Structure formats: structure tokens, C-alpha cells
Amino acid sequence: MPAKPAVPAFCSGKDTTIFIFGGCTVQNYKVYIGKTLARDLKPEEKDALDDFAKKKAQGQQDISSDLHQRLDFCTELS
């Protein structure tokens, strides 16, 4: 079986990571409903998303309810 090719460096930055939440997605600090840009994240929301990504990268499954509330980007857009 051939070796799996390496992911190109341009595909691994923060701006290429997509976070999928109930009702919306977030990429490059922008909230999308479907394929439509809804808005940019506020500075405090960016901090919360960075904190979430860091904890997930460390393998933490136990995310505090406070952080979950800070990541609730989609409910105001429903």
C-alpha cells in the first residue's frame, strides 16, 4: 500500500480550520450559516474559540459549560 501523502503546509493554518457547531460553522473567525457569511467573531469570541481549539488539540474532552456558552455563536442568528 502506498504511503499517505503529507498535507501541504498551506492546509494546516488557523485560517483553514473549520469548526462545525449546531446551526453554523466558523472558519478564519467568520461565522457562516450554510455557505453565507453571517458575521465576524467579536474579540472575546475569538479568544473563546482559540481556547476551545487549544483544549481539543490537547485531547481534552471535558470542556467547561462556561466555554460552551462562550462558543454559542449560532443561536443569535437563528
Protein backbone atom coordinates (compact mmCIF):
# COMPACT_ATOMS: atom_id res chain seq x y z
CA MET A 1 0.00 0.00 0.00
CA PRO A 2 1.48 3.41 -0.93
CA ALA A 3 2.33 5.88 1.81
CA LYS A 4 -0.23 8.56 2.61
CA PRO A 5 0.88 11.91 1.13
CA ALA A 6 1.77 14.71 3.52
CA VAL A 7 -0.72 17.53 3.99
CA PRO A 8 0.59 20.70 2.32
CA ALA A 9 1.73 23.38 4.77
CA PHE A 10 -0.85 25.84 3.45
CA CYS A 11 -3.65 23.50 4.56
CA SER A 12 -2.85 23.46 8.26
CA GLY A 13 -3.13 27.08 9.39
CA LYS A 14 -5.75 28.53 11.72
CA ASP A 15 -7.47 30.13 8.75
CA THR A 16 -8.14 26.73 7.15
CA THR A 17 -9.65 25.02 10.21
CA ILE A 18 -13.43 24.72 10.11
CA PHE A 19 -15.37 24.42 13.37
CA ILE A 20 -18.82 22.90 12.94
CA PHE A 21 -21.40 23.89 15.55
CA GLY A 22 -25.14 23.30 15.67
CA GLY A 23 -26.58 25.68 13.10
CA CYS A 24 -23.39 27.31 11.84
CA THR A 25 -19.72 26.86 11.01
CA VAL A 26 -16.76 29.07 11.87
CA GLN A 27 -13.68 29.47 9.71
CA ASN A 28 -10.99 32.15 9.98
CA TYR A 29 -13.04 33.83 12.75
CA LYS A 30 -16.05 34.21 10.46
CA VAL A 31 -19.47 32.69 11.17
CA TYR A 32 -21.29 31.05 8.26
CA ILE A 33 -24.88 29.85 8.01
CA GLY A 34 -24.68 27.31 5.23
CA LYS A 35 -22.39 28.98 2.68
CA THR A 36 -23.49 32.52 3.61
CA LEU A 37 -21.23 34.74 5.73
CA ALA A 38 -23.25 35.87 8.75
CA ARG A 39 -20.67 37.95 10.63
CA ASP A 40 -17.15 38.17 12.02
CA LEU A 41 -16.46 36.94 15.53
CA LYS A 42 -16.09 39.53 18.27
CA PRO A 43 -12.67 39.69 20.02
CA GLU A 44 -13.93 37.82 23.10
CA GLU A 45 -15.45 35.13 20.86
CA LYS A 46 -12.11 34.74 19.06
CA ASP A 47 -10.45 34.18 22.45
CA ALA A 48 -13.07 31.56 23.37
CA LEU A 49 -12.62 29.76 20.04
CA ASP A 50 -8.83 29.77 20.43
CA ASP A 51 -9.20 28.36 23.96
CA PHE A 52 -11.56 25.64 22.67
CA ALA A 53 -9.19 24.70 19.82
CA LYS A 54 -6.22 24.53 22.20
CA LYS A 55 -8.09 22.25 24.62
CA LYS A 56 -9.28 19.98 21.82
CA ALA A 57 -5.75 19.77 20.38
CA GLN A 58 -4.53 18.66 23.82
CA GLY A 59 -7.16 15.91 23.75
CA GLN A 60 -9.37 17.38 26.45
CA GLN A 61 -12.90 16.06 26.16
CA ASP A 62 -14.05 17.84 29.30
CA ILE A 63 -14.92 21.36 28.13
CA SER A 64 -16.46 23.63 30.77
CA SER A 65 -20.06 24.77 30.43
CA ASP A 66 -18.80 28.37 30.58
CA LEU A 67 -16.68 27.80 27.49
CA HIS A 68 -19.61 26.13 25.72
CA GLN A 69 -21.73 29.23 26.41
CA ARG A 70 -18.99 31.47 25.03
CA LEU A 71 -18.93 29.32 21.87
CA ASP A 72 -22.66 29.67 21.22
CA PHE A 73 -22.28 31.71 18.02
CA CYS A 74 -25.33 30.37 16.21
CA THR A 75 -28.33 30.88 18.48
CA GLU A 76 -28.48 34.65 17.94
CA LEU A 77 -28.62 34.02 14.19
CA SER A 78 -31.48 31.50 14.20
